[in-house]
Every structure is written in structure tokens, then in C-alpha cells.
């Protein structure tokens, strides 16, 4: 199964005729330098697509893969990914989480018999939470906007056996990128009393 899943993540798996687009999205969050922040990753399962909740065995979303790029990379001290939402508490049969200085790669696949992913069909945006990116920002990060951008060439949704896939290239998957806005204080200690603070965000 691992070989099939890798092939699907590379866009090589077989697919059914296309009828619409599901959506993979990453959230937008505001935080401050030097802090750890959680950014949600969601999938919206829409009716009429290749993989639909309720279509039956091996016809539903049971895995996903993506590469997420972030810039400027200098603002990030570390990044990770943790399961949440419909994947919380489930054991993936093919987990692969690979963080880098300027991006992270995530591939997770779940056995439909023992760990079915319970999506809500036609849920309002952004759909169902599937995991959370955990960013630790550099203490020296200046006020800026950290862009969070999916690589359209690797974003993939697959069924249990990795014989059906949804990708951007096929036209069956849409991507929604995000932004992490970093705020920094104008005055470190406020006035002499230390009771006043002001905040500023600058988007380059």
C-alpha cells in the first residue's frame, strides 16, 4: 500500500472522471515574535467529486499529502504537524512528516476498516479540520506577513487503496493558502508605569 500511496502523492495514481473540486486549505493566524502558534489545515469534501463521504468502501477520502512553503523562512525557528479534527486519535498506516527550513511535507494515509475519516459532506468553508501546523517563530522576527503557500504539484487526496486521487493538475482539487501575521510591540515597556502597550503590524 505504501508504494501506491507514494505514487498517488506524486500524481501518478489512476483517477475517475472529474466532476468538481474538493478544497485543501491552511488557515490565517495573527501572533507575535518568539511565540508558538497553531495554524489549522482543513479539507472541504464537496458532493459530486471523485471522492465523496458516503459513496462507500474505497470511494472516500482516506489520505492526503501536501508540501507547504513559508516565507520569509528566517522568521521561523521550527515547524511541525500534529493530527487534529477528523484525524485526531487515529493511527495512520503511512505517516510521513518532513520539516525543512522553508517548507514542510506531510503525507498521512489511514486504513478505512480501522480508522475511517469522518468528513461532513458539503460542510461550510473551510470544511473539516485534518491537522495543525505548529510554528515556533524566531525571537528576532520583525513585524511582517509570513506567507503559507501550498505546492500545487504535490497536494493530493486519495482513497483507502490509493487507486483514486484528487489533484490540482486533474482539476479535482482547489487550494486555499494562508498567512501568518507577526505583530511586534512599538514600546517594549510602555510608559514609565509599564501599563501602556501599543502594537503594530506591517505587511511588506
Protein backbone atom coordinates (compact mmCIF):
# COMPACT_ATOMS: atom_id res chain seq x y z
CA UNK A 1 0.00 0.00 0.00
CA UNK A 2 2.91 2.35 0.76
CA UNK A 3 4.13 2.17 -2.84
CA UNK A 4 0.66 3.00 -4.16
CA UNK A 5 0.34 5.90 -1.74
CA UNK A 6 3.66 7.37 -2.82
CA UNK A 7 2.57 7.11 -6.45
CA UNK A 8 -0.68 8.88 -5.67
CA UNK A 9 1.13 11.67 -3.84
CA UNK A 10 3.21 12.21 -6.95
CA UNK A 11 0.08 12.42 -9.08
CA UNK A 12 0.57 9.02 -10.74
CA UNK A 13 -2.43 7.14 -9.35
CA UNK A 14 -5.44 6.29 -11.52
CA UNK A 15 -8.46 8.57 -11.22
CA UNK A 16 -12.15 8.56 -12.03
CA UNK A 17 -13.78 11.13 -14.35
CA UNK A 18 -13.82 14.58 -12.77
CA UNK A 19 -16.99 16.28 -11.65
CA UNK A 20 -15.89 19.03 -9.24
CA UNK A 21 -13.32 20.18 -6.73
CA UNK A 22 -12.67 19.40 -3.09
CA UNK A 23 -10.66 22.01 -1.18
CA UNK A 24 -7.46 21.80 0.86
CA UNK A 25 -6.85 24.94 2.92
CA UNK A 26 -4.49 26.36 5.50
CA UNK A 27 -5.68 28.99 7.94
CA UNK A 28 -4.54 32.58 8.57
CA UNK A 29 -3.44 33.49 12.09
CA UNK A 30 -2.02 36.52 13.91
CA UNK A 31 0.68 36.11 16.58
CA UNK A 32 3.83 37.74 17.94
CA UNK A 33 7.55 37.07 17.50
CA UNK A 34 9.10 34.33 19.62
CA UNK A 35 5.77 32.54 20.14
CA UNK A 36 4.50 29.07 19.21
CA UNK A 37 1.36 29.28 17.11
CA UNK A 38 -1.07 26.69 15.73
CA UNK A 39 -2.33 27.04 12.16
CA UNK A 40 -5.24 24.79 11.09
CA UNK A 41 -5.22 22.62 7.96
CA UNK A 42 -8.66 21.65 6.62
CA UNK A 43 -10.28 19.64 3.83
CA UNK A 44 -13.70 20.50 2.43
CA UNK A 45 -15.38 17.44 0.92
CA UNK A 46 -17.93 18.57 -1.68
CA UNK A 47 -20.56 16.37 -3.32
CA UNK A 48 -20.01 15.33 -6.91
CA UNK A 49 -16.23 14.98 -6.68
CA UNK A 50 -14.10 11.89 -7.27
CA UNK A 51 -14.06 11.06 -3.55
CA UNK A 52 -17.23 11.73 -1.56
CA UNK A 53 -18.16 10.91 2.02
CA UNK A 54 -20.96 8.35 1.92
CA UNK A 55 -20.11 6.91 -1.51
CA UNK A 56 -18.99 3.62 0.02
CA UNK A 57 -15.93 1.48 0.54
CA UNK A 58 -12.76 2.77 -1.12
CA UNK A 59 -14.58 5.78 -2.61
CA UNK A 60 -13.97 8.28 0.20
CA UNK A 61 -11.03 10.45 1.31
CA UNK A 62 -8.66 8.36 3.45
CA UNK A 63 -5.38 10.14 2.93
CA UNK A 64 -3.79 13.44 1.97
CA UNK A 65 -0.40 14.83 1.03
CA UNK A 66 0.95 18.34 0.64
CA UNK A 67 4.05 20.48 0.68
CA UNK A 68 3.57 23.86 2.33
CA UNK A 69 6.15 26.59 1.67
CA UNK A 70 6.58 29.51 4.08
CA UNK A 71 8.42 32.78 3.55
CA UNK A 72 10.40 34.51 4.84
CA UNK A 73 11.96 31.35 6.28
CA UNK A 74 14.11 33.46 8.62
CA UNK A 75 11.00 34.24 10.70
CA UNK A 76 10.50 30.54 11.56
CA UNK A 77 12.56 28.77 14.24
CA UNK A 78 10.79 25.43 13.79
CA UNK A 79 7.66 23.86 12.28
CA UNK A 80 5.79 20.63 12.90
CA UNK A 81 2.46 18.96 12.18
CA UNK A 82 0.02 17.24 14.53
CA UNK A 83 -3.19 15.33 13.87
CA UNK A 84 -6.45 17.06 14.82
CA UNK A 85 -10.12 17.10 13.89
CA UNK A 86 -11.14 14.06 11.83
CA UNK A 87 -7.66 12.51 12.19
CA UNK A 88 -7.33 13.02 15.97
CA UNK A 89 -6.58 9.81 17.84
CA UNK A 90 -6.27 7.71 14.67
CA UNK A 91 -3.18 5.70 13.75
CA UNK A 92 -2.03 6.37 10.17
CA UNK A 93 -0.75 3.40 8.18
CA UNK A 94 1.60 5.66 6.24
CA UNK A 95 2.75 8.69 8.25
CA UNK A 96 5.42 10.97 6.79
CA UNK A 97 6.12 14.43 8.24
CA UNK A 98 9.27 16.11 6.99
CA UNK A 99 10.01 19.71 8.14
CA UNK A 100 12.63 21.87 6.42
CA UNK A 101 13.94 25.41 6.85
CA UNK A 102 11.46 26.89 4.35
CA UNK A 103 8.75 24.22 3.95
CA UNK A 104 7.14 21.12 5.42
CA UNK A 105 5.97 17.96 3.67
CA UNK A 106 3.06 15.99 5.15
CA UNK A 107 1.69 12.63 3.94
CA UNK A 108 -0.87 10.72 6.00
CA UNK A 109 -2.93 7.69 4.98
CA UNK A 110 -5.49 5.83 7.12
CA UNK A 111 -6.98 2.33 6.91
CA UNK A 112 -10.68 2.65 6.13
CA UNK A 113 -11.53 -0.51 8.10
CA UNK A 114 -9.89 0.58 11.35
CA UNK A 115 -9.55 4.37 11.07
CA UNK A 116 -12.21 5.84 8.76
CA UNK A 117 -12.01 9.61 8.25
CA UNK A 118 -15.48 11.00 9.01
CA UNK A 119 -15.84 14.07 6.79
CA UNK A 120 -19.01 16.17 6.70
CA UNK A 121 -20.13 16.33 3.09
CA UNK A 122 -20.74 19.90 1.86
CA UNK A 123 -19.64 21.45 5.16
CA UNK A 124 -19.22 25.25 5.04
CA UNK A 125 -15.69 26.56 4.43
CA UNK A 126 -13.09 25.56 5.39
CA UNK A 127 -14.62 22.10 5.87
CA UNK A 128 -13.23 19.61 8.38
CA UNK A 129 -10.03 20.10 10.36
CA UNK A 130 -7.49 17.37 9.49
CA UNK A 131 -4.43 18.63 11.37
CA UNK A 132 -2.50 21.55 12.76
CA UNK A 133 0.80 23.11 11.79
CA UNK A 134 2.80 24.18 14.84
CA UNK A 135 5.11 27.10 14.10
CA UNK A 136 7.65 28.48 16.57
CA UNK A 137 8.62 31.94 15.43
CA UNK A 138 12.11 33.35 15.74
CA UNK A 139 12.51 35.84 18.58
CA UNK A 140 14.16 38.28 16.17
CA UNK A 141 11.30 38.10 13.66
CA UNK A 142 10.21 41.61 12.68
CA UNK A 143 6.61 42.64 12.07
CA UNK A 144 5.70 41.03 8.78
CA UNK A 145 3.41 38.63 6.97
CA UNK A 146 4.63 35.04 6.73
CA UNK A 147 3.08 33.58 3.59
CA UNK A 148 1.86 29.96 3.73
CA UNK A 149 1.64 28.52 0.22
CA UNK A 150 0.71 25.02 -0.93
CA UNK A 151 2.78 23.47 -3.71
CA UNK A 152 0.11 22.61 -6.33
CA UNK A 153 2.28 19.83 -7.76
CA UNK A 154 2.21 17.71 -4.61
CA UNK A 155 -1.20 18.41 -2.99
CA UNK A 156 -3.22 15.19 -3.22
CA UNK A 157 -6.26 13.49 -1.69
CA UNK A 158 -6.57 9.70 -2.02
CA UNK A 159 -8.90 6.82 -1.23
CA UNK A 160 -8.04 3.85 1.02
CA UNK A 161 -6.17 1.85 -1.62
CA UNK A 162 -4.59 4.91 -3.31
CA UNK A 163 -6.17 3.93 -6.62
CA UNK A 164 -8.26 7.11 -6.84
CA UNK A 165 -6.83 10.58 -6.32
CA UNK A 166 -7.74 14.25 -6.48
CA UNK A 167 -5.06 16.76 -7.52
CA UNK A 168 -4.77 20.30 -8.79
CA UNK A 169 -3.45 19.02 -12.10
CA UNK A 170 -6.55 16.92 -12.61
CA UNK A 171 -8.76 19.88 -11.80
CA UNK A 172 -10.36 17.99 -8.92
CA UNK A 173 -8.66 19.80 -6.02
CA UNK A 174 -8.57 23.50 -5.12
CA UNK A 175 -6.06 25.06 -2.71
CA UNK A 176 -6.51 27.95 -0.27
CA UNK A 177 -3.26 29.45 1.00
CA UNK A 178 -2.86 31.33 4.28
CA UNK A 179 -0.83 34.00 6.00
CA UNK A 180 0.70 34.26 9.45
CA UNK A 181 0.82 37.89 10.53
CA UNK A 182 3.55 38.66 13.06
CA UNK A 183 2.99 41.57 15.41
CA UNK A 184 5.70 43.33 17.41
CA UNK A 185 5.28 45.95 20.19
CA UNK A 186 6.11 49.56 19.39
CA UNK A 187 7.07 50.10 23.02
CA UNK A 188 8.66 47.26 24.91
CA UNK A 189 7.62 48.52 28.36
CA UNK A 190 5.10 51.22 27.55
CA UNK A 191 5.46 54.43 29.54
CA UNK A 192 7.27 54.61 32.86
CA UNK A 193 4.42 52.85 34.64
CA UNK A 194 4.64 49.91 32.24
CA UNK A 195 0.87 49.87 31.90
CA UNK A 196 0.61 51.02 28.28
CA UNK A 197 1.36 48.98 25.21
CA UNK A 198 0.85 49.53 21.53
CA UNK A 199 1.06 47.08 18.66
CA UNK A 200 1.83 47.40 15.02
CA UNK A 201 1.66 45.02 12.04
CA UNK A 202 3.43 45.82 8.81
CA UNK A 203 2.71 43.83 5.67
CA UNK A 204 5.59 44.16 3.21
